[in-house]
Protein backbone atom coordinates (compact mmCIF):
# COMPACT_ATOMS: atom_id res chain seq x y z
CA UNK A 1 -17.26 -55.14 52.52
CA UNK A 2 -14.36 -55.11 55.40
CA UNK A 3 -12.03 -52.40 55.74
CA UNK A 4 -9.10 -54.12 54.63
CA UNK A 5 -10.72 -54.51 51.38
CA UNK A 6 -11.73 -51.15 51.09
CA UNK A 7 -8.23 -50.40 51.63
CA UNK A 8 -7.10 -52.42 48.61
CA UNK A 9 -9.68 -51.42 45.99
CA UNK A 10 -8.60 -47.55 47.31
CA UNK A 11 -5.00 -48.35 46.79
CA UNK A 12 -5.80 -50.18 43.44
CA UNK A 13 -7.73 -47.20 42.36
CA UNK A 14 -4.67 -44.86 42.98
CA UNK A 15 -2.40 -47.32 41.49
CA UNK A 16 -4.44 -47.30 38.23
CA UNK A 17 -4.46 -43.50 38.07
CA UNK A 18 -1.00 -42.75 38.58
CA UNK A 19 0.11 -45.59 35.58
CA UNK A 20 -2.66 -43.90 33.52
CA UNK A 21 -1.27 -40.44 34.14
CA UNK A 22 2.52 -41.65 34.56
CA UNK A 23 2.96 -43.80 31.35
CA UNK A 24 1.85 -41.01 28.80
CA UNK A 25 3.85 -38.35 30.86
CA UNK A 26 6.97 -41.15 30.66
CA UNK A 27 6.66 -41.86 26.79
CA UNK A 28 6.23 -37.84 26.32
CA UNK A 29 9.50 -37.24 27.98
CA UNK A 30 11.20 -40.13 26.07
CA UNK A 31 9.51 -38.77 22.43
CA UNK A 32 11.57 -35.59 23.12
CA UNK A 33 14.74 -36.87 24.68
CA UNK A 34 17.76 -36.29 21.92
CA UNK A 35 19.06 -39.91 20.45
CA UNK A 36 22.55 -38.24 21.59
CA UNK A 37 25.57 -39.85 19.85
CA UNK A 38 24.50 -41.66 16.55
CA UNK A 39 27.29 -44.79 16.01
CA UNK A 40 27.66 -45.47 12.62
CA UNK A 41 29.06 -48.72 11.25
CA UNK A 42 30.23 -49.36 7.87
CA UNK A 43 30.45 -53.19 6.96
CA UNK A 44 33.01 -52.96 4.11
CA UNK A 45 34.36 -56.56 3.84
CA UNK A 46 34.52 -56.18 0.22
CA UNK A 47 36.87 -52.85 0.71
CA UNK A 48 34.84 -51.02 -2.16
CA UNK A 49 35.07 -47.92 -0.86
CA UNK A 50 31.44 -46.74 -1.96
CA UNK A 51 30.17 -45.03 1.07
CA UNK A 52 31.62 -44.58 5.02
CA UNK A 53 30.79 -42.88 8.06
CA UNK A 54 30.80 -39.48 6.80
CA UNK A 55 29.02 -39.72 3.52
CA UNK A 56 26.21 -41.63 5.79
CA UNK A 57 26.24 -38.50 8.19
CA UNK A 58 26.48 -36.02 5.12
CA UNK A 59 23.17 -37.70 3.84
CA UNK A 60 20.92 -38.00 6.80
CA UNK A 61 22.10 -34.53 7.13
CA UNK A 62 20.52 -32.97 4.34
CA UNK A 63 17.60 -34.31 4.30
CA UNK A 64 16.71 -34.98 8.98
CA UNK A 65 19.49 -31.98 10.17
CA UNK A 66 22.27 -33.32 12.84
CA UNK A 67 21.28 -37.07 13.96
CA UNK A 68 22.43 -35.86 17.45
CA UNK A 69 20.06 -33.93 18.33
CA UNK A 70 16.72 -35.29 16.87
CA UNK A 71 14.51 -36.76 18.88
CA UNK A 72 11.91 -39.78 18.46
CA UNK A 73 9.33 -36.71 18.30
CA UNK A 74 11.19 -35.56 14.85
CA UNK A 75 12.81 -38.45 13.37
CA UNK A 76 11.35 -41.54 12.55
CA UNK A 77 13.22 -44.28 12.40
CA UNK A 78 11.39 -46.74 9.86
CA UNK A 79 12.08 -43.88 7.62
CA UNK A 80 15.48 -43.03 8.33
CA UNK A 81 16.13 -47.09 7.51
CA UNK A 82 14.10 -46.72 4.62
CA UNK A 83 15.69 -43.63 3.17
CA UNK A 84 19.20 -45.10 3.57
CA UNK A 85 18.12 -48.42 2.34
CA UNK A 86 16.58 -46.38 -1.17
CA UNK A 87 20.69 -44.94 -1.90
CA UNK A 88 22.84 -46.55 -4.58
CA UNK A 89 25.81 -47.16 -2.44
CA UNK A 90 23.93 -49.10 0.30
CA UNK A 91 23.27 -52.89 0.06
CA UNK A 92 21.55 -52.34 3.36
CA UNK A 93 20.90 -50.87 6.73
CA UNK A 94 19.50 -51.39 9.77
CA UNK A 95 18.72 -49.07 12.93
CA UNK A 96 18.78 -49.88 16.31
CA UNK A 97 18.08 -47.65 19.21
CA UNK A 98 20.23 -48.24 22.29
CA UNK A 99 19.58 -48.84 25.64
CA UNK A 100 20.90 -45.16 25.96
CA UNK A 101 18.21 -44.19 23.65
CA UNK A 102 21.32 -43.43 21.32
CA UNK A 103 20.59 -44.81 17.55
CA UNK A 104 23.14 -47.46 16.18
CA UNK A 105 23.33 -47.63 12.74
CA UNK A 106 24.89 -50.49 11.00
CA UNK A 107 25.16 -50.23 6.77
CA UNK A 108 26.82 -52.61 4.24
CA UNK A 109 27.70 -50.68 1.28
CA UNK A 110 26.41 -51.82 -2.37
CA UNK A 111 27.85 -55.30 -3.49
CA UNK A 112 28.22 -55.69 -7.04
CA UNK A 113 27.81 -58.86 -9.09
CA UNK A 114 28.75 -57.04 -12.46
CA UNK A 115 30.17 -54.28 -14.16
CA UNK A 116 28.13 -52.88 -17.10
CA UNK A 117 29.67 -51.62 -19.84
CA UNK A 118 27.24 -49.32 -22.05
CA UNK A 119 28.11 -47.17 -25.58
CA UNK A 120 29.21 -44.07 -23.42
CA UNK A 121 29.92 -45.20 -19.86
CA UNK A 122 30.35 -48.33 -17.23
CA UNK A 123 28.62 -48.95 -13.88
CA UNK A 124 28.13 -51.36 -11.25
CA UNK A 125 25.40 -53.68 -10.62
CA UNK A 126 23.86 -55.35 -7.32
CA UNK A 127 21.61 -57.92 -7.37
CA UNK A 128 18.19 -55.73 -7.01
CA UNK A 129 19.66 -53.68 -9.66
CA UNK A 130 20.89 -50.71 -8.19
CA UNK A 131 23.37 -48.86 -10.06
CA UNK A 132 26.99 -46.93 -9.21
CA UNK A 133 28.77 -45.69 -11.70
CA UNK A 134 31.63 -46.43 -12.35
CA UNK A 135 35.12 -44.48 -10.87
CA UNK A 136 38.94 -44.56 -11.06
CA UNK A 137 38.74 -45.05 -6.85
CA UNK A 138 36.43 -48.29 -7.32
CA UNK A 139 38.15 -51.51 -8.72
CA UNK A 140 36.14 -54.57 -8.02
CA UNK A 141 36.96 -57.90 -9.47
CA UNK A 142 33.61 -59.36 -10.63
CA UNK A 143 31.95 -60.32 -14.26
CA UNK A 144 31.84 -57.66 -16.84
CA UNK A 145 28.62 -57.30 -19.23
CA UNK A 146 28.88 -56.25 -22.62
CA UNK A 147 26.57 -56.03 -25.89
CA UNK A 148 23.41 -55.08 -27.31
CA UNK A 149 20.81 -53.69 -24.18
CA UNK A 150 17.95 -51.24 -25.26
CA UNK A 151 14.72 -50.26 -23.93
CA UNK A 152 13.11 -53.79 -24.10
CA UNK A 153 16.96 -55.56 -23.27
CA UNK A 154 18.08 -54.22 -20.53
CA UNK A 155 20.89 -55.51 -18.34
CA UNK A 156 18.94 -55.99 -15.59
CA UNK A 157 17.27 -58.99 -17.71
CA UNK A 158 20.59 -60.91 -16.77
CA UNK A 159 20.37 -60.20 -12.79
CA UNK A 160 19.15 -63.97 -12.17
CA UNK A 161 21.90 -65.34 -13.81
CA UNK A 162 24.52 -62.90 -12.33
CA UNK A 163 22.56 -63.55 -8.68
CA UNK A 164 23.65 -67.53 -9.27
CA UNK A 165 27.11 -66.27 -10.46
CA UNK A 166 27.83 -64.32 -7.67
CA UNK A 167 26.30 -66.83 -5.03
CA UNK A 168 28.75 -69.73 -6.22
CA UNK A 169 32.68 -68.33 -5.25
CA UNK A 170 33.81 -71.08 -7.88
CA UNK A 171 31.69 -69.77 -10.72
CA UNK A 172 32.19 -66.64 -9.95
CA UNK A 173 35.75 -67.02 -10.43
CA UNK A 174 35.94 -68.73 -13.54
CA UNK A 175 33.20 -66.16 -15.31
CA UNK A 176 35.40 -63.46 -17.04
CA UNK A 177 33.01 -61.65 -19.39
CA UNK A 178 29.38 -62.05 -20.07
CA UNK A 179 28.22 -60.88 -24.23
CA UNK A 180 24.63 -60.18 -25.38
CA UNK A 181 24.72 -60.28 -29.26
CA UNK A 182 22.31 -58.50 -31.65
CA UNK A 183 19.80 -61.63 -31.31
CA UNK A 184 20.03 -61.06 -26.98
CA UNK A 185 21.76 -64.26 -27.21
CA UNK A 186 23.99 -64.45 -23.84
CA UNK A 187 27.73 -66.17 -24.05
CA UNK A 188 29.88 -66.07 -21.45
CA UNK A 189 34.11 -65.83 -21.60
CA UNK A 190 35.33 -67.79 -18.92
CA UNK A 191 38.91 -67.16 -17.37
CA UNK A 192 39.96 -70.55 -19.24
CA UNK A 193 41.00 -69.22 -22.62
CA UNK A 194 40.16 -70.93 -26.00
CA UNK A 195 36.24 -71.40 -26.06
CA UNK A 196 33.66 -69.56 -25.38
CA UNK A 197 29.97 -71.01 -23.40
CA UNK A 198 26.23 -70.50 -24.63
CA UNK A 199 23.79 -69.61 -22.33
CA UNK A 200 21.00 -68.61 -24.80
CA UNK A 201 18.85 -66.91 -21.93
CA UNK A 202 18.33 -66.86 -18.02
CA UNK A 203 15.98 -69.16 -17.62
CA UNK A 204 16.70 -73.00 -16.16
CA UNK A 205 20.31 -71.29 -15.03
CA UNK A 206 20.95 -74.02 -12.08
CA UNK A 207 20.42 -76.92 -14.14
CA UNK A 208 22.68 -75.17 -17.11
CA UNK A 209 25.57 -74.16 -14.91
CA UNK A 210 25.28 -78.18 -14.31
CA UNK A 211 25.55 -79.21 -17.40
CA UNK A 212 28.63 -77.16 -17.71
CA UNK A 213 29.72 -78.02 -14.60
CA UNK A 214 30.21 -81.48 -16.01
CA UNK A 215 31.48 -80.99 -19.25
CA UNK A 216 34.40 -79.09 -17.09
CA UNK A 217 34.65 -82.19 -14.48
CA UNK A 218 34.40 -85.04 -17.54
CA UNK A 219 34.92 -83.97 -20.57
CA UNK A 220 37.52 -81.16 -21.35
CA UNK A 221 40.16 -82.72 -18.80
CA UNK A 222 40.21 -85.80 -21.26
CA UNK A 223 39.08 -84.08 -24.56
CA UNK A 224 41.55 -81.16 -23.80
CA UNK A 225 40.73 -77.39 -23.22
CA UNK A 226 41.05 -75.72 -26.51
CA UNK A 227 39.58 -78.77 -28.15
CA UNK A 228 36.30 -77.12 -28.18
CA UNK A 229 35.64 -73.54 -29.11
CA UNK A 230 32.09 -72.93 -28.05
CA UNK A 231 29.85 -74.56 -25.42
CA UNK A 232 26.12 -74.76 -25.97
CA UNK A 233 24.22 -75.47 -22.91
CA UNK A 234 21.12 -73.13 -24.57
CA UNK A 235 19.42 -76.69 -25.30
CA UNK A 236 17.62 -78.35 -22.72
CA UNK A 237 18.85 -81.45 -21.41
CA UNK A 238 22.36 -81.55 -23.91
CA UNK A 239 25.50 -79.63 -24.44
CA UNK A 240 26.29 -79.11 -27.85
CA UNK A 241 30.40 -78.04 -28.36
CA UNK A 242 31.59 -76.74 -31.34
CA UNK A 243 35.41 -78.47 -32.00
CA UNK A 244 38.00 -75.71 -32.58
CA UNK A 245 40.06 -78.00 -35.44
CA UNK A 246 36.74 -78.54 -37.72
CA UNK A 247 38.45 -81.74 -39.04
CA UNK A 248 37.32 -85.21 -37.48
CA UNK A 249 40.10 -85.74 -35.00
CA UNK A 250 40.39 -89.34 -33.35
CA UNK A 251 38.46 -90.06 -30.07
CA UNK A 252 40.83 -90.68 -27.08
CA UNK A 253 41.53 -94.19 -26.44
CA UNK A 254 39.37 -94.35 -22.84
CA UNK A 255 35.80 -92.41 -24.58
CA UNK A 256 33.77 -94.64 -26.67
CA UNK A 257 31.78 -92.62 -29.74
CA UNK A 258 29.01 -92.65 -31.42
CA UNK A 259 30.95 -92.42 -35.38
CA UNK A 260 27.12 -91.20 -36.55
CA UNK A 261 26.44 -88.83 -34.26
CA UNK A 262 29.98 -88.25 -32.06
CA UNK A 263 28.40 -88.62 -28.72
CA UNK A 264 30.27 -88.85 -25.62
CA UNK A 265 28.39 -91.96 -23.50
CA UNK A 266 30.69 -93.02 -20.82
CA UNK A 267 29.39 -90.99 -17.89
CA UNK A 268 25.92 -90.33 -16.17
CA UNK A 269 25.30 -86.92 -17.76
CA UNK A 270 22.67 -85.89 -20.29
CA UNK A 271 23.78 -86.45 -24.32
CA UNK A 272 26.89 -84.50 -25.70
CA UNK A 273 27.17 -83.92 -29.02
CA UNK A 274 29.56 -82.14 -30.89
CA UNK A 275 29.04 -80.97 -33.82
CA UNK A 276 31.75 -80.09 -36.08
CA UNK A 277 29.82 -78.27 -38.61
CA UNK A 278 27.40 -75.88 -36.84
CA UNK A 279 25.11 -75.48 -34.44
């Protein structure tokens, strides 16, 4: 071994020894350094007012103490994020540690998809089933849900349909009220007055609203928005509608009707049956 090689070996060993001591020491010092000033951002784009920065600081104070004085050794970021995400007022929360070591809390208030009316109270519910009691200072334009609910048939069973409605701005603007009857059959009262829509259950929701859309685009503009009192999409592949005036009405001249079934055949859509008596 040459002298130069021996020197390199010694220097390498000294460097490894330094790293073995310095890195744990650095981590220990970092773990004991307070986070410092915590930045809280509340993204309340809907202006619901369910929660603000002071509310979040209050929640954290009760559970963890003053955030600014805590350290990585005394506060686990994942635990804090999980805690915030479990709160009914919060839709989702994300926590990031910034380059200067401080914390950044990004919080989105709960986004309701409906307001549920029970016998003695009402509350807002989001797409995941979180509930927050409705109060006078809250007024969010979302569909209203009412009807017959029990331990087996809860409002949460409507969530697949409520999420679908909330995801479509046009559909969300169309739906005024959702009601379930004693047989747990779902009905929608649209903002367009004069008829109700029978959904049945929450299966095949996309398909049901697609068929309803065809009815709204291609039939009602010709028939008239009050021609039917009930439009049902509960039956697979069909739309069944009941006339407001149960007496047989003459068809518009631009539609060809089957005299026996009174079915509209002049556009590419599932079979539409106008039942003038009953379903």
